[in-house]
């Protein structure tokens, strides 16, 4: 991802653009990040952040969140691989799917743990 602070729709647009212009290999190479926000109930205009995964300490069984997340009271909402997989699946079905359709596909996956069929 190109920056840290986004509207949720901008994350969807950036993933879509990268997949359509550069392909799956390039998109999947952009990994090890999560979407963080103050609420897990994101809409397209929600402010969110792209930050590294929380660090996990095996000895203490604790996660350490990135400092920006701690300072702003943010929690992980989505992982990079979930968003990328859902958006790739939707675009494979309908290359010109809009942001609203991709958002619906994300919500569908979140609720049903399967990809939405897009016609």
N, C-alpha and C. Protein backbone atom coordinates (compact mmCIF):
# COMPACT_ATOMS: atom_id res chain seq x y z
N UNK A 1 0.85 -1.17 0.00
CA UNK A 1 0.00 0.00 0.00
C UNK A 1 0.90 1.23 0.00
N UNK A 2 0.38 2.28 -0.58
CA UNK A 2 1.21 3.46 -0.82
C UNK A 2 1.33 4.41 0.36
N UNK A 3 0.34 4.39 1.27
CA UNK A 3 0.37 5.33 2.38
C UNK A 3 -0.18 4.67 3.63
N UNK A 4 -0.38 5.41 4.68
CA UNK A 4 -0.84 4.86 5.96
C UNK A 4 -2.31 5.18 6.22
N UNK A 5 -2.74 6.41 5.97
CA UNK A 5 -4.10 6.82 6.28
C UNK A 5 -4.96 6.85 5.02
N UNK A 6 -6.14 6.23 5.10
CA UNK A 6 -7.03 6.10 3.95
C UNK A 6 -8.48 6.26 4.37
N UNK A 7 -9.34 6.48 3.37
CA UNK A 7 -10.74 6.15 3.50
C UNK A 7 -10.84 4.70 3.02
N UNK A 8 -11.78 3.94 3.55
CA UNK A 8 -11.85 2.53 3.18
C UNK A 8 -12.00 2.35 1.67
N UNK A 9 -12.77 3.21 1.02
CA UNK A 9 -12.95 3.08 -0.43
C UNK A 9 -11.62 3.24 -1.17
N UNK A 10 -10.70 4.04 -0.64
CA UNK A 10 -9.40 4.23 -1.28
C UNK A 10 -8.56 2.95 -1.23
N UNK A 11 -8.68 2.21 -0.15
CA UNK A 11 -7.97 0.93 -0.05
C UNK A 11 -8.50 -0.02 -1.11
N UNK A 12 -9.83 -0.10 -1.23
CA UNK A 12 -10.45 -0.96 -2.24
C UNK A 12 -9.99 -0.55 -3.63
N UNK A 13 -10.01 0.74 -3.92
CA UNK A 13 -9.60 1.24 -5.23
C UNK A 13 -8.13 0.92 -5.52
N UNK A 14 -7.28 1.07 -4.53
CA UNK A 14 -5.85 0.81 -4.73
C UNK A 14 -5.59 -0.68 -5.00
N UNK A 15 -6.27 -1.55 -4.27
CA UNK A 15 -6.12 -2.99 -4.50
C UNK A 15 -6.63 -3.33 -5.90
N UNK A 16 -7.79 -2.80 -6.27
CA UNK A 16 -8.36 -3.06 -7.60
C UNK A 16 -7.39 -2.62 -8.70
N UNK A 17 -6.90 -1.40 -8.57
CA UNK A 17 -5.99 -0.85 -9.58
C UNK A 17 -4.72 -1.70 -9.70
N UNK A 18 -4.14 -2.07 -8.59
CA UNK A 18 -2.91 -2.85 -8.62
C UNK A 18 -3.16 -4.22 -9.27
N UNK A 19 -4.27 -4.85 -8.93
CA UNK A 19 -4.57 -6.17 -9.49
C UNK A 19 -4.80 -6.09 -11.00
N UNK A 20 -5.58 -5.12 -11.44
CA UNK A 20 -5.89 -5.01 -12.87
C UNK A 20 -4.69 -4.57 -13.70
N UNK A 21 -3.84 -3.73 -13.14
CA UNK A 21 -2.71 -3.19 -13.90
C UNK A 21 -1.45 -4.04 -13.78
N UNK A 22 -1.25 -4.69 -12.62
CA UNK A 22 0.02 -5.37 -12.40
C UNK A 22 -0.11 -6.87 -12.11
N UNK A 23 -1.33 -7.34 -11.87
CA UNK A 23 -1.57 -8.76 -11.69
C UNK A 23 -1.46 -9.27 -10.27
N UNK A 24 -1.83 -10.53 -10.13
CA UNK A 24 -1.90 -11.17 -8.82
C UNK A 24 -0.54 -11.25 -8.13
N UNK A 25 0.51 -11.58 -8.88
CA UNK A 25 1.84 -11.74 -8.27
C UNK A 25 2.28 -10.44 -7.61
N UNK A 26 2.14 -9.34 -8.31
CA UNK A 26 2.53 -8.03 -7.77
C UNK A 26 1.65 -7.65 -6.59
N UNK A 27 0.34 -7.88 -6.72
CA UNK A 27 -0.58 -7.54 -5.64
C UNK A 27 -0.24 -8.33 -4.38
N UNK A 28 -0.03 -9.62 -4.53
CA UNK A 28 0.22 -10.47 -3.37
C UNK A 28 1.60 -10.24 -2.75
N UNK A 29 2.50 -9.63 -3.52
CA UNK A 29 3.81 -9.28 -2.96
C UNK A 29 3.68 -8.13 -1.98
N UNK A 30 2.59 -7.37 -2.11
CA UNK A 30 2.32 -6.26 -1.18
C UNK A 30 1.55 -6.84 0.00
N UNK A 31 2.29 -7.36 0.96
CA UNK A 31 1.64 -8.10 2.03
C UNK A 31 2.14 -7.66 3.41
N UNK A 32 1.64 -8.34 4.41
CA UNK A 32 2.02 -8.11 5.80
C UNK A 32 1.48 -6.82 6.36
N UNK A 33 0.26 -6.47 5.96
CA UNK A 33 -0.39 -5.31 6.52
C UNK A 33 -1.83 -5.65 6.88
N UNK A 34 -2.38 -4.83 7.73
CA UNK A 34 -3.78 -4.97 8.15
C UNK A 34 -4.45 -3.61 8.05
N UNK A 35 -5.76 -3.62 7.95
CA UNK A 35 -6.55 -2.40 8.03
C UNK A 35 -6.98 -2.25 9.48
N UNK A 36 -6.66 -1.10 10.05
CA UNK A 36 -7.02 -0.78 11.43
C UNK A 36 -8.03 0.36 11.42
N UNK A 37 -8.94 0.33 12.37
CA UNK A 37 -9.90 1.43 12.52
C UNK A 37 -10.43 1.44 13.95
N UNK A 38 -11.14 2.50 14.29
CA UNK A 38 -11.71 2.61 15.63
C UNK A 38 -12.93 1.71 15.79
N UNK A 39 -13.59 1.41 14.68
CA UNK A 39 -14.78 0.55 14.69
C UNK A 39 -14.63 -0.51 13.61
N UNK A 40 -15.13 -1.70 13.88
CA UNK A 40 -15.06 -2.76 12.87
C UNK A 40 -16.17 -2.62 11.83
N UNK A 41 -17.08 -1.69 12.05
CA UNK A 41 -18.20 -1.47 11.14
C UNK A 41 -17.83 -0.38 10.15
N UNK A 42 -17.05 -0.74 9.12
CA UNK A 42 -16.57 0.24 8.16
C UNK A 42 -17.56 0.44 7.02
N UNK A 43 -17.73 1.69 6.61
CA UNK A 43 -18.40 1.96 5.34
C UNK A 43 -17.35 2.55 4.40
N UNK A 44 -17.74 2.88 3.21
CA UNK A 44 -16.76 3.34 2.23
C UNK A 44 -16.06 4.64 2.61
N UNK A 45 -16.70 5.44 3.42
CA UNK A 45 -16.13 6.73 3.82
C UNK A 45 -15.41 6.68 5.16
N UNK A 46 -15.31 5.50 5.76
CA UNK A 46 -14.66 5.37 7.07
C UNK A 46 -13.16 5.62 6.97
N UNK A 47 -12.65 6.37 7.94
CA UNK A 47 -11.21 6.58 8.05
C UNK A 47 -10.59 5.31 8.61
N UNK A 48 -9.50 4.89 8.01
CA UNK A 48 -8.79 3.71 8.50
C UNK A 48 -7.31 3.84 8.18
N UNK A 49 -6.55 2.89 8.70
CA UNK A 49 -5.10 2.95 8.57
C UNK A 49 -4.57 1.62 8.09
N UNK A 50 -3.54 1.66 7.29
CA UNK A 50 -2.83 0.46 6.86
C UNK A 50 -1.52 0.42 7.64
N UNK A 51 -1.43 -0.60 8.50
CA UNK A 51 -0.28 -0.74 9.39
C UNK A 51 0.16 -2.20 9.42
N UNK A 52 1.36 -2.47 9.91
CA UNK A 52 1.82 -3.86 10.00
C UNK A 52 0.94 -4.69 10.94
N UNK A 53 1.02 -6.00 10.74
CA UNK A 53 0.37 -6.93 11.66
C UNK A 53 0.87 -6.66 13.08
N UNK A 54 0.04 -6.94 14.08
CA UNK A 54 0.56 -6.87 15.44
C UNK A 54 1.69 -7.89 15.62
N UNK A 55 2.68 -7.52 16.40
CA UNK A 55 3.77 -8.45 16.70
C UNK A 55 3.26 -9.43 17.76
N UNK A 56 3.65 -10.68 17.63
CA UNK A 56 3.18 -11.70 18.57
C UNK A 56 4.38 -12.26 19.34
N UNK A 57 4.28 -12.24 20.65
CA UNK A 57 5.32 -12.78 21.53
C UNK A 57 4.88 -14.16 21.99
N UNK A 58 5.57 -15.18 21.52
CA UNK A 58 5.21 -16.56 21.83
C UNK A 58 5.36 -16.85 23.33
N UNK A 59 6.37 -16.29 23.93
CA UNK A 59 6.63 -16.55 25.35
C UNK A 59 5.53 -16.00 26.26
N UNK A 60 5.06 -14.79 25.95
CA UNK A 60 4.04 -14.18 26.81
C UNK A 60 2.63 -14.37 26.25
N UNK A 61 2.52 -14.88 25.02
CA UNK A 61 1.24 -15.08 24.35
C UNK A 61 0.48 -13.76 24.21
N UNK A 62 1.22 -12.68 23.93
CA UNK A 62 0.62 -11.36 23.80
C UNK A 62 0.94 -10.74 22.44
N UNK A 63 -0.01 -9.94 21.97
CA UNK A 63 0.19 -9.18 20.75
C UNK A 63 0.59 -7.75 21.12
N UNK A 64 1.50 -7.19 20.33
CA UNK A 64 1.88 -5.80 20.49
C UNK A 64 1.48 -5.07 19.21
N UNK A 65 0.56 -4.13 19.37
CA UNK A 65 0.07 -3.39 18.21
C UNK A 65 1.03 -2.26 17.83
N UNK A 66 1.03 -1.87 16.55
CA UNK A 66 1.85 -0.73 16.14
C UNK A 66 1.51 0.51 16.97
N UNK A 67 2.49 1.34 17.21
CA UNK A 67 2.33 2.51 18.07
C UNK A 67 1.19 3.41 17.62
N UNK A 68 1.06 3.64 16.32
CA UNK A 68 -0.01 4.49 15.81
C UNK A 68 -1.38 3.91 16.17
N UNK A 69 -1.51 2.60 16.13
CA UNK A 69 -2.78 1.95 16.50
C UNK A 69 -3.07 2.16 17.98
N UNK A 70 -2.05 1.99 18.80
CA UNK A 70 -2.22 2.17 20.25
C UNK A 70 -2.60 3.61 20.57
N UNK A 71 -1.88 4.55 19.97
CA UNK A 71 -2.12 5.98 20.24
C UNK A 71 -3.52 6.43 19.85
N UNK A 72 -4.08 5.79 18.81
CA UNK A 72 -5.38 6.22 18.29
C UNK A 72 -6.52 5.27 18.63
N UNK A 73 -6.27 4.28 19.48
CA UNK A 73 -7.32 3.35 19.88
C UNK A 73 -7.87 2.53 18.73
N UNK A 74 -6.98 2.04 17.86
CA UNK A 74 -7.39 1.30 16.67
C UNK A 74 -7.26 -0.20 16.89
N UNK A 75 -8.14 -0.95 16.23
CA UNK A 75 -8.08 -2.41 16.23
C UNK A 75 -7.99 -2.91 14.79
N UNK A 76 -7.52 -4.13 14.63
CA UNK A 76 -7.47 -4.76 13.31
C UNK A 76 -8.90 -5.04 12.85
N UNK A 77 -9.21 -4.61 11.63
CA UNK A 77 -10.52 -4.88 11.04
C UNK A 77 -10.40 -5.94 9.95
N UNK A 78 -9.41 -5.80 9.07
CA UNK A 78 -9.19 -6.75 7.97
C UNK A 78 -7.70 -7.00 7.80
N UNK A 79 -7.38 -8.19 7.33
CA UNK A 79 -6.00 -8.51 6.95
C UNK A 79 -5.84 -8.30 5.45
N UNK A 80 -4.60 -8.10 5.03
CA UNK A 80 -4.34 -7.85 3.60
C UNK A 80 -4.82 -9.01 2.75
N UNK A 81 -4.57 -10.25 3.20
CA UNK A 81 -4.89 -11.40 2.35
C UNK A 81 -6.39 -11.58 2.16
N UNK A 82 -7.19 -11.30 3.17
CA UNK A 82 -8.63 -11.40 3.03
C UNK A 82 -9.14 -10.39 2.01
N UNK A 83 -8.73 -9.14 2.16
CA UNK A 83 -9.18 -8.11 1.22
C UNK A 83 -8.72 -8.40 -0.20
N UNK A 84 -7.47 -8.77 -0.35
CA UNK A 84 -6.94 -9.06 -1.68
C UNK A 84 -7.69 -10.23 -2.32
N UNK A 85 -7.91 -11.30 -1.57
CA UNK A 85 -8.59 -12.49 -2.11
C UNK A 85 -10.01 -12.16 -2.55
N UNK A 86 -10.75 -11.44 -1.72
CA UNK A 86 -12.13 -11.10 -2.05
C UNK A 86 -12.19 -10.20 -3.28
N UNK A 87 -11.34 -9.21 -3.33
CA UNK A 87 -11.36 -8.28 -4.47
C UNK A 87 -10.90 -8.99 -5.74
N UNK A 88 -9.88 -9.84 -5.67
CA UNK A 88 -9.46 -10.59 -6.86
C UNK A 88 -10.58 -11.49 -7.36
N UNK A 89 -11.25 -12.18 -6.46
CA UNK A 89 -12.35 -13.06 -6.86
C UNK A 89 -13.45 -12.28 -7.57
N UNK A 90 -13.81 -11.14 -7.00
CA UNK A 90 -14.86 -10.32 -7.61
C UNK A 90 -14.44 -9.80 -8.98
N UNK A 91 -13.20 -9.35 -9.11
CA UNK A 91 -12.72 -8.81 -10.38
C UNK A 91 -12.53 -9.91 -11.43
N UNK A 92 -12.23 -11.12 -10.99
CA UNK A 92 -12.14 -12.23 -11.93
C UNK A 92 -13.51 -12.55 -12.54
N UNK A 93 -14.55 -12.27 -11.77
CA UNK A 93 -15.91 -12.49 -12.26
C UNK A 93 -16.41 -11.32 -13.10
N UNK A 94 -16.02 -10.12 -12.69
CA UNK A 94 -16.49 -8.91 -13.36
C UNK A 94 -15.39 -7.85 -13.27
N UNK A 95 -14.60 -7.76 -14.34
CA UNK A 95 -13.42 -6.89 -14.33
C UNK A 95 -13.75 -5.43 -14.07
N UNK A 96 -14.93 -4.99 -14.48
CA UNK A 96 -15.28 -3.58 -14.29
C UNK A 96 -16.14 -3.36 -13.05
N UNK A 97 -16.08 -4.27 -12.09
CA UNK A 97 -16.84 -4.10 -10.84
C UNK A 97 -16.44 -2.79 -10.19
N UNK A 98 -17.44 -2.07 -9.72
CA UNK A 98 -17.19 -0.78 -9.07
C UNK A 98 -16.87 -0.96 -7.59
N UNK A 99 -16.48 0.12 -6.96
CA UNK A 99 -16.11 0.10 -5.55
C UNK A 99 -17.28 -0.39 -4.69
N UNK A 100 -18.49 0.04 -5.01
CA UNK A 100 -19.66 -0.38 -4.23
C UNK A 100 -19.85 -1.90 -4.32
N UNK A 101 -19.68 -2.47 -5.51
CA UNK A 101 -19.80 -3.93 -5.67
C UNK A 101 -18.71 -4.67 -4.90
N UNK A 102 -17.50 -4.13 -4.94
CA UNK A 102 -16.39 -4.76 -4.22
C UNK A 102 -16.61 -4.67 -2.71
N UNK A 103 -17.15 -3.56 -2.26
CA UNK A 103 -17.48 -3.39 -0.84
C UNK A 103 -18.53 -4.43 -0.42
N UNK A 104 -19.55 -4.61 -1.25
CA UNK A 104 -20.58 -5.62 -0.95
C UNK A 104 -19.98 -7.02 -0.91
N UNK A 105 -19.03 -7.29 -1.80
CA UNK A 105 -18.36 -8.60 -1.81
C UNK A 105 -17.57 -8.81 -0.51
N UNK A 106 -16.95 -7.76 -0.01
CA UNK A 106 -16.20 -7.84 1.26
C UNK A 106 -17.16 -8.14 2.41
N UNK A 107 -18.27 -7.41 2.46
CA UNK A 107 -19.25 -7.63 3.53
C UNK A 107 -19.84 -9.04 3.43
N UNK A 108 -20.10 -9.49 2.22
CA UNK A 108 -20.65 -10.84 2.01
C UNK A 108 -19.67 -11.89 2.53
N UNK A 109 -18.40 -11.74 2.18
CA UNK A 109 -17.39 -12.69 2.64
C UNK A 109 -17.28 -12.67 4.16
N UNK A 110 -17.31 -11.49 4.73
CA UNK A 110 -17.19 -11.35 6.18
C UNK A 110 -18.33 -12.09 6.89
N UNK A 111 -19.52 -12.03 6.32
CA UNK A 111 -20.68 -12.65 6.94
C UNK A 111 -20.83 -14.14 6.61
N UNK A 112 -20.41 -14.54 5.41
CA UNK A 112 -20.67 -15.91 4.94
C UNK A 112 -19.44 -16.79 4.79
N UNK A 113 -18.26 -16.21 4.92
CA UNK A 113 -17.00 -16.95 4.78
C UNK A 113 -16.90 -17.67 3.44
N UNK A 114 -17.45 -17.04 2.42
CA UNK A 114 -17.34 -17.53 1.06
C UNK A 114 -17.45 -16.35 0.11
N UNK A 115 -16.97 -16.54 -1.12
CA UNK A 115 -16.99 -15.45 -2.08
C UNK A 115 -18.38 -15.25 -2.65
N UNK A 116 -18.72 -14.00 -2.89
CA UNK A 116 -20.00 -13.65 -3.49
C UNK A 116 -19.91 -13.83 -5.01
N UNK A 117 -21.00 -14.31 -5.59
CA UNK A 117 -21.06 -14.39 -7.05
C UNK A 117 -21.49 -13.03 -7.57
N UNK A 118 -20.72 -12.52 -8.52
CA UNK A 118 -21.01 -11.22 -9.12
C UNK A 118 -21.32 -11.43 -10.59
N UNK A 119 -22.46 -10.92 -11.01
CA UNK A 119 -22.90 -11.17 -12.39
C UNK A 119 -22.73 -10.01 -13.29
